[in-house]
Amino acid sequence: MVKRIVTGAHYGLLDWLAQRVTAVVMVIYILLLVVVLLIFPPNDYAAWKTIFGNQWTRITSFLFFVSLCWHAWIGIRNILMDYIHETGIRLTIQVLVILSLLFYTVWAIDIMWS
């Protein structure tokens, strides 16, 4: 009888699905933004402020940014798990990535709602 050695955290299907869902959310947002910019082309700061002053634009932009951060986290985490085998170094880099993504998310909130 052969014993299988199981390694990793078994994220497989969940990660694959999350990558696809976040990618679809980002593509839809970008397409909608392109349509809005073609219909209402902004010439100055006031026009940009009007477009992004709408609450729905802020919410969808925030959803885009959260999707971007989640998508990036899954990709970076998988790369780190595949290529950095020293646990301490990998965990340190993962913590730094998490902190930077959280910082960017808070910064995006501050930009969009200030």
PDB file of N, CA and C in Angstrom:
ATOM      1  N   MET A   1       0.837  -1.178   0.000  1.00  0.00           N
ATOM      2  CA  MET A   1       0.000   0.000   0.000  1.00  0.00           C
ATOM      3  C   MET A   1       0.886   1.247   0.000  1.00  0.00           C
ATOM      4  N   VAL A   2       0.559   2.163  -0.856  1.00  0.00           N
ATOM      5  CA  VAL A   2       1.340   3.387  -0.993  1.00  0.00           C
ATOM      6  C   VAL A   2       0.635   4.510  -0.234  1.00  0.00           C
ATOM      7  N   LYS A   3       1.385   5.165   0.641  1.00  0.00           N
ATOM      8  CA  LYS A   3       0.824   6.303   1.365  1.00  0.00           C
ATOM      9  C   LYS A   3       1.103   7.577   0.581  1.00  0.00           C
ATOM     10  N   ARG A   4       0.076   8.363   0.435  1.00  0.00           N
ATOM     11  CA  ARG A   4       0.248   9.652  -0.248  1.00  0.00           C
ATOM     12  C   ARG A   4       0.719  10.677   0.758  1.00  0.00           C
ATOM     13  N   ILE A   5       1.656  11.492   0.346  1.00  0.00           N
ATOM     14  CA  ILE A   5       2.103  12.600   1.182  1.00  0.00           C
ATOM     15  C   ILE A   5       1.365  13.843   0.697  1.00  0.00           C
ATOM     16  N   VAL A   6       0.574  14.400   1.595  1.00  0.00           N
ATOM     17  CA  VAL A   6      -0.227  15.558   1.241  1.00  0.00           C
ATOM     18  C   VAL A   6       0.474  16.800   1.757  1.00  0.00           C
ATOM     19  N   THR A   7       0.697  17.735   0.860  1.00  0.00           N
ATOM     20  CA  THR A   7       1.329  18.990   1.244  1.00  0.00           C
ATOM     21  C   THR A   7       0.470  20.146   0.777  1.00  0.00           C
ATOM     22  N   GLY A   8       0.720  21.307   1.326  1.00  0.00           N
ATOM     23  CA  GLY A   8      -0.021  22.495   0.920  1.00  0.00           C
ATOM     24  C   GLY A   8      -1.297  22.655   1.722  1.00  0.00           C
ATOM     25  N   ALA A   9      -2.028  23.683   1.400  1.00  0.00           N
ATOM     26  CA  ALA A   9      -3.226  24.001   2.169  1.00  0.00           C
ATOM     27  C   ALA A   9      -4.504  23.666   1.421  1.00  0.00           C
ATOM     28  N   HIS A  10      -4.403  23.083   0.237  1.00  0.00           N
ATOM     29  CA  HIS A  10      -5.572  22.663  -0.548  1.00  0.00           C
ATOM     30  C   HIS A  10      -6.493  23.839  -0.884  1.00  0.00           C
ATOM     31  N   TYR A  11      -5.928  24.939  -1.350  1.00  0.00           N
ATOM     32  CA  TYR A  11      -6.734  26.087  -1.745  1.00  0.00           C
ATOM     33  C   TYR A  11      -7.317  25.891  -3.144  1.00  0.00           C
ATOM     34  N   GLY A  12      -6.698  25.091  -3.966  1.00  0.00           N
ATOM     35  CA  GLY A  12      -6.996  24.821  -5.359  1.00  0.00           C
ATOM     36  C   GLY A  12      -8.260  25.381  -5.956  1.00  0.00           C
ATOM     37  N   LEU A  13      -9.386  24.703  -5.775  1.00  0.00           N
ATOM     38  CA  LEU A  13     -10.629  25.093  -6.429  1.00  0.00           C
ATOM     39  C   LEU A  13     -11.113  26.457  -5.961  1.00  0.00           C
ATOM     40  N   LEU A  14     -11.020  26.717  -4.673  1.00  0.00           N
ATOM     41  CA  LEU A  14     -11.464  28.014  -4.147  1.00  0.00           C
ATOM     42  C   LEU A  14     -10.634  29.154  -4.737  1.00  0.00           C
ATOM     43  N   ASP A  15      -9.322  28.965  -4.809  1.00  0.00           N
ATOM     44  CA  ASP A  15      -8.461  29.990  -5.407  1.00  0.00           C
ATOM     45  C   ASP A  15      -8.769  30.184  -6.880  1.00  0.00           C
ATOM     46  N   TRP A  16      -8.938  29.082  -7.581  1.00  0.00           N
ATOM     47  CA  TRP A  16      -9.241  29.158  -9.008  1.00  0.00           C
ATOM     48  C   TRP A  16     -10.538  29.942  -9.225  1.00  0.00           C
ATOM     49  N   LEU A  17     -11.560  29.635  -8.434  1.00  0.00           N
ATOM     50  CA  LEU A  17     -12.849  30.318  -8.557  1.00  0.00           C
ATOM     51  C   LEU A  17     -12.733  31.795  -8.180  1.00  0.00           C
ATOM     52  N   ALA A  18     -12.026  32.081  -7.093  1.00  0.00           N
ATOM     53  CA  ALA A  18     -11.857  33.474  -6.663  1.00  0.00           C
ATOM     54  C   ALA A  18     -11.107  34.287  -7.711  1.00  0.00           C
ATOM     55  N   GLN A  19     -10.088  33.694  -8.327  1.00  0.00           N
ATOM     56  CA  GLN A  19      -9.350  34.390  -9.382  1.00  0.00           C
ATOM     57  C   GLN A  19     -10.275  34.735 -10.541  1.00  0.00           C
ATOM     58  N   ARG A  20     -11.123  33.799 -10.932  1.00  0.00           N
ATOM     59  CA  ARG A  20     -12.022  34.036 -12.067  1.00  0.00           C
ATOM     60  C   ARG A  20     -13.095  35.068 -11.718  1.00  0.00           C
ATOM     61  N   VAL A  21     -13.664  34.972 -10.529  1.00  0.00           N
ATOM     62  CA  VAL A  21     -14.714  35.922 -10.125  1.00  0.00           C
ATOM     63  C   VAL A  21     -14.142  37.333 -10.018  1.00  0.00           C
ATOM     64  N   THR A  22     -12.988  37.480  -9.380  1.00  0.00           N
ATOM     65  CA  THR A  22     -12.403  38.817  -9.257  1.00  0.00           C
ATOM     66  C   THR A  22     -12.002  39.360 -10.625  1.00  0.00           C
ATOM     67  N   ALA A  23     -11.526  38.500 -11.514  1.00  0.00           N
ATOM     68  CA  ALA A  23     -11.173  38.957 -12.860  1.00  0.00           C
ATOM     69  C   ALA A  23     -12.411  39.440 -13.607  1.00  0.00           C
ATOM     70  N   VAL A  24     -13.525  38.729 -13.480  1.00  0.00           N
ATOM     71  CA  VAL A  24     -14.766  39.145 -14.144  1.00  0.00           C
ATOM     72  C   VAL A  24     -15.260  40.473 -13.567  1.00  0.00           C
ATOM     73  N   VAL A  25     -15.184  40.633 -12.251  1.00  0.00           N
ATOM     74  CA  VAL A  25     -15.592  41.902 -11.631  1.00  0.00           C
ATOM     75  C   VAL A  25     -14.737  43.048 -12.168  1.00  0.00           C
ATOM     76  N   MET A  26     -13.434  42.831 -12.280  1.00  0.00           N
ATOM     77  CA  MET A  26     -12.549  43.892 -12.773  1.00  0.00           C
ATOM     78  C   MET A  26     -12.814  44.217 -14.236  1.00  0.00           C
ATOM     79  N   VAL A  27     -13.060  43.209 -15.057  1.00  0.00           N
ATOM     80  CA  VAL A  27     -13.339  43.451 -16.480  1.00  0.00           C
ATOM     81  C   VAL A  27     -14.642  44.219 -16.642  1.00  0.00           C
ATOM     82  N   ILE A  28     -15.673  43.841 -15.900  1.00  0.00           N
ATOM     83  CA  ILE A  28     -16.963  44.546 -15.987  1.00  0.00           C
ATOM     84  C   ILE A  28     -16.790  46.000 -15.570  1.00  0.00           C
ATOM     85  N   TYR A  29     -16.063  46.242 -14.480  1.00  0.00           N
ATOM     86  CA  TYR A  29     -15.835  47.616 -14.027  1.00  0.00           C
ATOM     87  C   TYR A  29     -15.102  48.422 -15.093  1.00  0.00           C
ATOM     88  N   ILE A  30     -14.052  47.859 -15.658  1.00  0.00           N
ATOM     89  CA  ILE A  30     -13.275  48.583 -16.667  1.00  0.00           C
ATOM     90  C   ILE A  30     -14.133  48.898 -17.893  1.00  0.00           C
ATOM     91  N   LEU A  31     -14.934  47.945 -18.329  1.00  0.00           N
ATOM     92  CA  LEU A  31     -15.813  48.187 -19.478  1.00  0.00           C
ATOM     93  C   LEU A  31     -16.834  49.279 -19.166  1.00  0.00           C
ATOM     94  N   LEU A  32     -17.429  49.234 -17.981  1.00  0.00           N
ATOM     95  CA  LEU A  32     -18.382  50.282 -17.595  1.00  0.00           C
ATOM     96  C   LEU A  32     -17.699  51.644 -17.504  1.00  0.00           C
ATOM     97  N   LEU A  33     -16.494  51.673 -16.955  1.00  0.00           N
ATOM     98  CA  LEU A  33     -15.762  52.936 -16.851  1.00  0.00           C
ATOM     99  C   LEU A  33     -15.441  53.496 -18.235  1.00  0.00           C
ATOM    100  N   VAL A  34     -15.051  52.638 -19.160  1.00  0.00           N
ATOM    101  CA  VAL A  34     -14.772  53.091 -20.527  1.00  0.00           C
ATOM    102  C   VAL A  34     -16.032  53.668 -21.160  1.00  0.00           C
ATOM    103  N   VAL A  35     -17.166  53.008 -20.974  1.00  0.00           N
ATOM    104  CA  VAL A  35     -18.427  53.508 -21.525  1.00  0.00           C
ATOM    105  C   VAL A  35     -18.769  54.868 -20.927  1.00  0.00           C
ATOM    106  N   VAL A  36     -18.640  54.991 -19.609  1.00  0.00           N
ATOM    107  CA  VAL A  36     -18.928  56.279 -18.952  1.00  0.00           C
ATOM    108  C   VAL A  36     -17.994  57.363 -19.461  1.00  0.00           C
ATOM    109  N   LEU A  37     -16.729  57.037 -19.626  1.00  0.00           N
ATOM    110  CA  LEU A  37     -15.767  58.047 -20.105  1.00  0.00           C
ATOM    111  C   LEU A  37     -15.983  58.403 -21.571  1.00  0.00           C
ATOM    112  N   LEU A  38     -16.526  57.481 -22.355  1.00  0.00           N
ATOM    113  CA  LEU A  38     -16.852  57.809 -23.744  1.00  0.00           C
ATOM    114  C   LEU A  38     -18.114  58.668 -23.836  1.00  0.00           C
ATOM    115  N   ILE A  39     -19.070  58.408 -22.961  1.00  0.00           N
ATOM    116  CA  ILE A  39     -20.316  59.194 -22.974  1.00  0.00           C
ATOM    117  C   ILE A  39     -20.088  60.580 -22.377  1.00  0.00           C
ATOM    118  N   PHE A  40     -19.372  60.645 -21.262  1.00  0.00           N
ATOM    119  CA  PHE A  40     -19.092  61.916 -20.589  1.00  0.00           C
ATOM    120  C   PHE A  40     -17.584  62.127 -20.501  1.00  0.00           C
ATOM    121  N   PRO A  41     -16.949  62.510 -21.598  1.00  0.00           N
ATOM    122  CA  PRO A  41     -15.484  62.669 -21.542  1.00  0.00           C
ATOM    123  C   PRO A  41     -15.088  63.842 -20.636  1.00  0.00           C
ATOM    124  N   PRO A  42     -14.303  63.561 -19.601  1.00  0.00           N
ATOM    125  CA  PRO A  42     -13.908  64.643 -18.687  1.00  0.00           C
ATOM    126  C   PRO A  42     -12.765  65.468 -19.265  1.00  0.00           C
ATOM    127  N   ASN A  43     -12.915  66.791 -19.186  1.00  0.00           N
ATOM    128  CA  ASN A  43     -11.890  67.698 -19.705  1.00  0.00           C
ATOM    129  C   ASN A  43     -11.052  68.299 -18.586  1.00  0.00           C
ATOM    130  N   ASP A  44     -11.626  68.355 -17.398  1.00  0.00           N
ATOM    131  CA  ASP A  44     -10.936  69.017 -16.302  1.00  0.00           C
ATOM    132  C   ASP A  44     -11.225  68.295 -14.989  1.00  0.00           C
ATOM    133  N   TYR A  45     -10.674  68.835 -13.928  1.00  0.00           N
ATOM    134  CA  TYR A  45     -10.825  68.227 -12.609  1.00  0.00           C
ATOM    135  C   TYR A  45     -12.278  68.173 -12.177  1.00  0.00           C
ATOM    136  N   ALA A  46     -13.031  69.213 -12.473  1.00  0.00           N
ATOM    137  CA  ALA A  46     -14.440  69.258 -12.067  1.00  0.00           C
ATOM    138  C   ALA A  46     -15.242  68.128 -12.719  1.00  0.00           C
ATOM    139  N   ALA A  47     -14.947  67.832 -13.967  1.00  0.00           N
ATOM    140  CA  ALA A  47     -15.650  66.740 -14.649  1.00  0.00           C
ATOM    141  C   ALA A  47     -15.294  65.392 -14.027  1.00  0.00           C
ATOM    142  N   TRP A  48     -14.014  65.184 -13.716  1.00  0.00           N
ATOM    143  CA  TRP A  48     -13.611  63.944 -13.050  1.00  0.00           C
ATOM    144  C   TRP A  48     -14.275  63.835 -11.682  1.00  0.00           C
ATOM    145  N   LYS A  49     -14.330  64.949 -10.971  1.00  0.00           N
ATOM    146  CA  LYS A  49     -14.937  64.950  -9.633  1.00  0.00           C
ATOM    147  C   LYS A  49     -16.428  64.645  -9.728  1.00  0.00           C
ATOM    148  N   THR A  50     -17.086  65.127 -10.770  1.00  0.00           N
ATOM    149  CA  THR A  50     -18.500  64.837 -10.969  1.00  0.00           C
ATOM    150  C   THR A  50     -18.723  63.354 -11.230  1.00  0.00           C
ATOM    151  N   ILE A  51     -17.884  62.775 -12.083  1.00  0.00           N
ATOM    152  CA  ILE A  51     -18.032  61.344 -12.400  1.00  0.00           C
ATOM    153  C   ILE A  51     -17.825  60.501 -11.144  1.00  0.00           C
ATOM    154  N   PHE A  52     -16.766  60.787 -10.389  1.00  0.00           N
ATOM    155  CA  PHE A  52     -16.465  59.975  -9.217  1.00  0.00           C
ATOM    156  C   PHE A  52     -17.132  60.495  -7.946  1.00  0.00           C
ATOM    157  N   GLY A  53     -17.924  61.532  -8.047  1.00  0.00           N
ATOM    158  CA  GLY A  53     -18.685  62.025  -6.906  1.00  0.00           C
ATOM    159  C   GLY A  53     -19.959  61.230  -6.675  1.00  0.00           C
ATOM    160  N   ASN A  54     -20.395  60.519  -7.696  1.00  0.00           N
ATOM    161  CA  ASN A  54     -21.589  59.691  -7.591  1.00  0.00           C
ATOM    162  C   ASN A  54     -21.311  58.523  -6.640  1.00  0.00           C
ATOM    163  N   GLN A  55     -22.250  58.249  -5.738  1.00  0.00           N
ATOM    164  CA  GLN A  55     -22.061  57.186  -4.752  1.00  0.00           C
ATOM    165  C   GLN A  55     -21.879  55.815  -5.400  1.00  0.00           C
ATOM    166  N   TRP A  56     -22.635  55.548  -6.478  1.00  0.00           N
ATOM    167  CA  TRP A  56     -22.498  54.254  -7.155  1.00  0.00           C
ATOM    168  C   TRP A  56     -21.134  54.093  -7.797  1.00  0.00           C
ATOM    169  N   THR A  57     -20.581  55.170  -8.306  1.00  0.00           N
ATOM    170  CA  THR A  57     -19.236  55.106  -8.884  1.00  0.00           C
ATOM    171  C   THR A  57     -18.216  54.796  -7.797  1.00  0.00           C
ATOM    172  N   ARG A  58     -18.392  55.410  -6.648  1.00  0.00           N
ATOM    173  CA  ARG A  58     -17.483  55.135  -5.537  1.00  0.00           C
ATOM    174  C   ARG A  58     -17.580  53.681  -5.084  1.00  0.00           C
ATOM    175  N   ILE A  59     -18.800  53.190  -4.960  1.00  0.00           N
ATOM    176  CA  ILE A  59     -18.991  51.810  -4.504  1.00  0.00           C
ATOM    177  C   ILE A  59     -18.410  50.820  -5.510  1.00  0.00           C
ATOM    178  N   THR A  60     -18.697  51.030  -6.798  1.00  0.00           N
ATOM    179  CA  THR A  60     -18.156  50.107  -7.804  1.00  0.00           C
ATOM    180  C   THR A  60     -16.637  50.220  -7.899  1.00  0.00           C
ATOM    181  N   SER A  61     -16.100  51.426  -7.723  1.00  0.00           N
ATOM    182  CA  SER A  61     -14.640  51.591  -7.728  1.00  0.00           C
ATOM    183  C   SER A  61     -14.021  50.872  -6.538  1.00  0.00           C
ATOM    184  N   PHE A  62     -14.676  50.949  -5.386  1.00  0.00           N
ATOM    185  CA  PHE A  62     -14.176  50.242  -4.217  1.00  0.00           C
ATOM    186  C   PHE A  62     -14.269  48.732  -4.411  1.00  0.00           C
ATOM    187  N   LEU A  63     -15.357  48.260  -4.994  1.00  0.00           N
ATOM    188  CA  LEU A  63     -15.496  46.840  -5.298  1.00  0.00           C
ATOM    189  C   LEU A  63     -14.396  46.390  -6.257  1.00  0.00           C
ATOM    190  N   PHE A  64     -14.099  47.214  -7.247  1.00  0.00           N
ATOM    191  CA  PHE A  64     -12.998  46.920  -8.167  1.00  0.00           C
ATOM    192  C   PHE A  64     -11.682  46.806  -7.410  1.00  0.00           C
ATOM    193  N   PHE A  65     -11.436  47.760  -6.520  1.00  0.00           N
ATOM    194  CA  PHE A  65     -10.161  47.771  -5.813  1.00  0.00           C
ATOM    195  C   PHE A  65     -10.032  46.582  -4.870  1.00  0.00           C
ATOM    196  N   VAL A  66     -11.114  46.220  -4.186  1.00  0.00           N
ATOM    197  CA  VAL A  66     -11.079  45.042  -3.319  1.00  0.00           C
ATOM    198  C   VAL A  66     -10.850  43.786  -4.159  1.00  0.00           C
ATOM    199  N   SER A  67     -11.491  43.701  -5.315  1.00  0.00           N
ATOM    200  CA  SER A  67     -11.274  42.562  -6.211  1.00  0.00           C
ATOM    201  C   SER A  67      -9.823  42.511  -6.677  1.00  0.00           C
ATOM    202  N   LEU A  68      -9.269  43.664  -6.996  1.00  0.00           N
ATOM    203  CA  LEU A  68      -7.875  43.738  -7.417  1.00  0.00           C
ATOM    204  C   LEU A  68      -6.932  43.253  -6.310  1.00  0.00           C
ATOM    205  N   CYS A  69      -7.176  43.703  -5.091  1.00  0.00           N
ATOM    206  CA  CYS A  69      -6.321  43.285  -3.969  1.00  0.00           C
ATOM    207  C   CYS A  69      -6.461  41.793  -3.692  1.00  0.00           C
ATOM    208  N   TRP A  70      -7.667  41.267  -3.737  1.00  0.00           N
ATOM    209  CA  TRP A  70      -7.879  39.843  -3.488  1.00  0.00           C
ATOM    210  C   TRP A  70      -7.212  39.009  -4.588  1.00  0.00           C
ATOM    211  N   HIS A  71      -7.389  39.449  -5.826  1.00  0.00           N
ATOM    212  CA  HIS A  71      -6.779  38.783  -6.972  1.00  0.00           C
ATOM    213  C   HIS A  71      -5.253  38.781  -6.830  1.00  0.00           C
ATOM    214  N   ALA A  72      -4.708  39.926  -6.453  1.00  0.00           N
ATOM    215  CA  ALA A  72      -3.254  40.040  -6.276  1.00  0.00           C
ATOM    216  C   ALA A  72      -2.784  39.156  -5.133  1.00  0.00           C
ATOM    217  N   TRP A  73      -3.515  39.126  -4.027  1.00  0.00           N
ATOM    218  CA  TRP A  73      -3.116  38.319  -2.879  1.00  0.00           C
ATOM    219  C   TRP A  73      -3.052  36.835  -3.247  1.00  0.00           C
ATOM    220  N   ILE A  74      -4.059  36.346  -3.945  1.00  0.00           N
ATOM    221  CA  ILE A  74      -4.065  34.929  -4.320  1.00  0.00           C
ATOM    222  C   ILE A  74      -2.868  34.612  -5.218  1.00  0.00           C
ATOM    223  N   GLY A  75      -2.623  35.462  -6.194  1.00  0.00           N
ATOM    224  CA  GLY A  75      -1.500  35.236  -7.096  1.00  0.00           C
ATOM    225  C   GLY A  75      -0.162  35.300  -6.391  1.00  0.00           C
ATOM    226  N   ILE A  76       0.040  36.315  -5.571  1.00  0.00           N
ATOM    227  CA  ILE A  76       1.315  36.468  -4.865  1.00  0.00           C
ATOM    228  C   ILE A  76       1.510  35.334  -3.865  1.00  0.00           C
ATOM    229  N   ARG A  77       0.451  34.985  -3.139  1.00  0.00           N
ATOM    230  CA  ARG A  77       0.563  33.896  -2.164  1.00  0.00           C
ATOM    231  C   ARG A  77       0.944  32.581  -2.850  1.00  0.00           C
ATOM    232  N   ASN A  78       0.313  32.296  -3.978  1.00  0.00           N
ATOM    233  CA  ASN A  78       0.631  31.057  -4.686  1.00  0.00           C
ATOM    234  C   ASN A  78       2.063  31.064  -5.210  1.00  0.00           C
ATOM    235  N   ILE A  79       2.509  32.194  -5.710  1.00  0.00           N
ATOM    236  CA  ILE A  79       3.900  32.291  -6.176  1.00  0.00           C
ATOM    237  C   ILE A  79       4.866  32.092  -5.015  1.00  0.00           C
ATOM    238  N   LEU A  80       4.574  32.728  -3.886  1.00  0.00           N
ATOM    239  CA  LEU A  80       5.455  32.570  -2.725  1.00  0.00           C
ATOM    240  C   LEU A  80       5.466  31.131  -2.230  1.00  0.00           C
ATOM    241  N   MET A  81       4.311  30.483  -2.203  1.00  0.00           N
ATOM    242  CA  MET A  81       4.266  29.081  -1.753  1.00  0.00           C
ATOM    243  C   MET A  81       5.029  28.167  -2.708  1.00  0.00           C
ATOM    244  N   ASP A  82       5.010  28.482  -3.990  1.00  0.00           N
ATOM    245  CA  ASP A  82       5.697  27.639  -4.973  1.00  0.00           C
ATOM    246  C   ASP A  82       7.209  27.841  -4.990  1.00  0.00           C
ATOM    247  N   TYR A  83       7.676  29.073  -4.784  1.00  0.00           N
ATOM    248  CA  TYR A  83       9.076  29.368  -5.037  1.00  0.00           C
ATOM    249  C   TYR A  83       9.908  29.711  -3.812  1.00  0.00           C
ATOM    250  N   ILE A  84       9.288  30.039  -2.691  1.00  0.00           N
ATOM    251  CA  ILE A  84      10.063  30.338  -1.486  1.00  0.00           C
ATOM    252  C   ILE A  84       9.772  29.236  -0.471  1.00  0.00           C
ATOM    253  N   HIS A  85      10.734  28.354  -0.298  1.00  0.00           N
ATOM    254  CA  HIS A  85      10.520  27.166   0.524  1.00  0.00           C
ATOM    255  C   HIS A  85      10.871  27.387   1.988  1.00  0.00           C
ATOM    256  N   GLU A  86      11.672  28.385   2.290  1.00  0.00           N
ATOM    257  CA  GLU A  86      12.011  28.695   3.683  1.00  0.00           C
ATOM    258  C   GLU A  86      10.793  29.352   4.336  1.00  0.00           C
ATOM    259  N   THR A  87      10.249  28.682   5.346  1.00  0.00           N
ATOM    260  CA  THR A  87       8.973  29.099   5.948  1.00  0.00           C
ATOM    261  C   THR A  87       9.040  30.502   6.541  1.00  0.00           C
ATOM    262  N   GLY A  88      10.089  30.807   7.267  1.00  0.00           N
ATOM    263  CA  GLY A  88      10.191  32.120   7.913  1.00  0.00           C
ATOM    264  C   GLY A  88      10.222  33.259   6.910  1.00  0.00           C
ATOM    265  N   ILE A  89      10.983  33.096   5.849  1.00  0.00           N
ATOM    266  CA  ILE A  89      11.077  34.129   4.815  1.00  0.00           C
ATOM    267  C   ILE A  89       9.737  34.275   4.103  1.00  0.00           C
ATOM    268  N   ARG A  90       9.123  33.140   3.759  1.00  0.00           N
ATOM    269  CA  ARG A  90       7.834  33.174   3.062  1.00  0.00           C
ATOM    270  C   ARG A  90       6.762  33.854   3.912  1.00  0.00           C
ATOM    271  N   LEU A  91       6.681  33.510   5.192  1.00  0.00           N
ATOM    272  CA  LEU A  91       5.678  34.125   6.062  1.00  0.00           C
ATOM    273  C   LEU A  91       5.928  35.615   6.257  1.00  0.00           C
ATOM    274  N   THR A  92       7.201  35.997   6.348  1.00  0.00           N
ATOM    275  CA  THR A  92       7.529  37.428   6.475  1.00  0.00           C
ATOM    276  C   THR A  92       7.079  38.195   5.241  1.00  0.00           C
ATOM    277  N   ILE A  93       7.368  37.660   4.082  1.00  0.00           N
ATOM    278  CA  ILE A  93       6.948  38.330   2.844  1.00  0.00           C
ATOM    279  C   ILE A  93       5.429  38.354   2.746  1.00  0.00           C
ATOM    280  N   GLN A  94       4.766  37.264   3.130  1.00  0.00           N
ATOM    281  CA  GLN A  94       3.299  37.231   3.075  1.00  0.00           C
ATOM    282  C   GLN A  94       2.690  38.284   4.003  1.00  0.00           C
ATOM    283  N   VAL A  95       3.242  38.429   5.194  1.00  0.00           N
ATOM    284  CA  VAL A  95       2.740  39.449   6.123  1.00  0.00           C
ATOM    285  C   VAL A  95       2.953  40.841   5.537  1.00  0.00           C
ATOM    286  N   LEU A  96       4.114  41.077   4.931  1.00  0.00           N
ATOM    287  CA  LEU A  96       4.375  42.381   4.315  1.00  0.00           C
ATOM    288  C   LEU A  96       3.401  42.657   3.164  1.00  0.00           C
ATOM    289  N   VAL A  97       3.106  41.644   2.377  1.00  0.00           N
ATOM    290  CA  VAL A  97       2.152  41.798   1.277  1.00  0.00           C
ATOM    291  C   VAL A  97       0.764  42.102   1.827  1.00  0.00           C
ATOM    292  N   ILE A  98       0.332  41.367   2.849  1.00  0.00           N
ATOM    293  CA  ILE A  98      -0.983  41.610   3.457  1.00  0.00           C
ATOM    294  C   ILE A  98      -1.062  43.035   4.000  1.00  0.00           C
ATOM    295  N   LEU A  99      -0.032  43.464   4.724  1.00  0.00           N
ATOM    296  CA  LEU A  99      -0.033  44.823   5.280  1.00  0.00           C
ATOM    297  C   LEU A  99      -0.070  45.876   4.182  1.00  0.00           C
ATOM    298  N   SER A 100       0.672  45.661   3.106  1.00  0.00           N
ATOM    299  CA  SER A 100       0.667  46.647   2.023  1.00  0.00           C
ATOM    300  C   SER A 100      -0.694  46.678   1.325  1.00  0.00           C
ATOM    301  N   LEU A 101      -1.312  45.517   1.104  1.00  0.00           N
ATOM    302  CA  LEU A 101      -2.634  45.500   0.470  1.00  0.00           C
ATOM    303  C   LEU A 101      -3.689  46.155   1.365  1.00  0.00           C
ATOM    304  N   LEU A 102      -3.611  45.928   2.670  1.00  0.00           N
ATOM    305  CA  LEU A 102      -4.527  46.601   3.596  1.00  0.00           C
ATOM    306  C   LEU A 102      -4.303  48.107   3.591  1.00  0.00           C
ATOM    307  N   PHE A 103      -3.032  48.524   3.570  1.00  0.00           N
ATOM    308  CA  PHE A 103      -2.714  49.952   3.503  1.00  0.00           C
ATOM    309  C   PHE A 103      -3.307  50.575   2.244  1.00  0.00           C
ATOM    310  N   TYR A 104      -3.133  49.904   1.097  1.00  0.00           N
ATOM    311  CA  TYR A 104      -3.659  50.438  -0.153  1.00  0.00           C
ATOM    312  C   TYR A 104      -5.183  50.477  -0.154  1.00  0.00           C
ATOM    313  N   THR A 105      -5.811  49.514   0.485  1.00  0.00           N
ATOM    314  CA  THR A 105      -7.278  49.513   0.562  1.00  0.00           C
ATOM    315  C   THR A 105      -7.771  50.687   1.405  1.00  0.00           C
ATOM    316  N   VAL A 106      -7.149  50.909   2.552  1.00  0.00           N
ATOM    317  CA  VAL A 106      -7.527  52.054   3.396  1.00  0.00           C
ATOM    318  C   VAL A 106      -7.250  53.353   2.664  1.00  0.00           C
ATOM    319  N   TRP A 107      -6.160  53.422   1.957  1.00  0.00           N
ATOM    320  CA  TRP A 107      -5.819  54.624   1.189  1.00  0.00           C
ATOM    321  C   TRP A 107      -6.862  54.862   0.096  1.00  0.00           C
ATOM    322  N   ALA A 108      -7.299  53.814  -0.573  1.00  0.00           N
ATOM    323  CA  ALA A 108      -8.336  53.954  -1.604  1.00  0.00           C
ATOM    324  C   ALA A 108      -9.636  54.461  -1.005  1.00  0.00           C
ATOM    325  N   ILE A 109      -9.994  53.950   0.171  1.00  0.00           N
ATOM    326  CA  ILE A 109     -11.200  54.440   0.851  1.00  0.00           C
ATOM    327  C   ILE A 109     -11.054  55.922   1.150  1.00  0.00           C
ATOM    328  N   ASP A 110      -9.895  56.303   1.656  1.00  0.00           N
ATOM    329  CA  ASP A 110      -9.658  57.713   1.974  1.00  0.00           C
ATOM    330  C   ASP A 110      -9.743  58.585   0.734  1.00  0.00           C
ATOM    331  N   ILE A 111      -9.208  58.132  -0.375  1.00  0.00           N
ATOM    332  CA  ILE A 111      -9.257  58.910  -1.612  1.00  0.00           C
ATOM    333  C   ILE A 111     -10.682  59.026  -2.131  1.00  0.00           C
ATOM    334  N   MET A 112     -11.407  57.918  -2.136  1.00  0.00           N
ATOM    335  CA  MET A 112     -12.749  57.923  -2.743  1.00  0.00           C
ATOM    336  C   MET A 112     -13.781  58.650  -1.899  1.00  0.00           C
ATOM    337  N   TRP A 113     -13.632  58.630  -0.582  1.00  0.00           N
ATOM    338  CA  TRP A 113     -14.657  59.241   0.256  1.00  0.00           C
ATOM    339  C   TRP A 113     -14.181  60.506   0.967  1.00  0.00           C
ATOM    340  N   SER A 114     -13.124  61.135   0.454  1.00  0.00           N
ATOM    341  CA  SER A 114     -12.695  62.402   1.062  1.00  0.00           C
ATOM    342  C   SER A 114     -13.040  63.573   0.162  1.00  0.00           C
TER     343      SER A 114
END
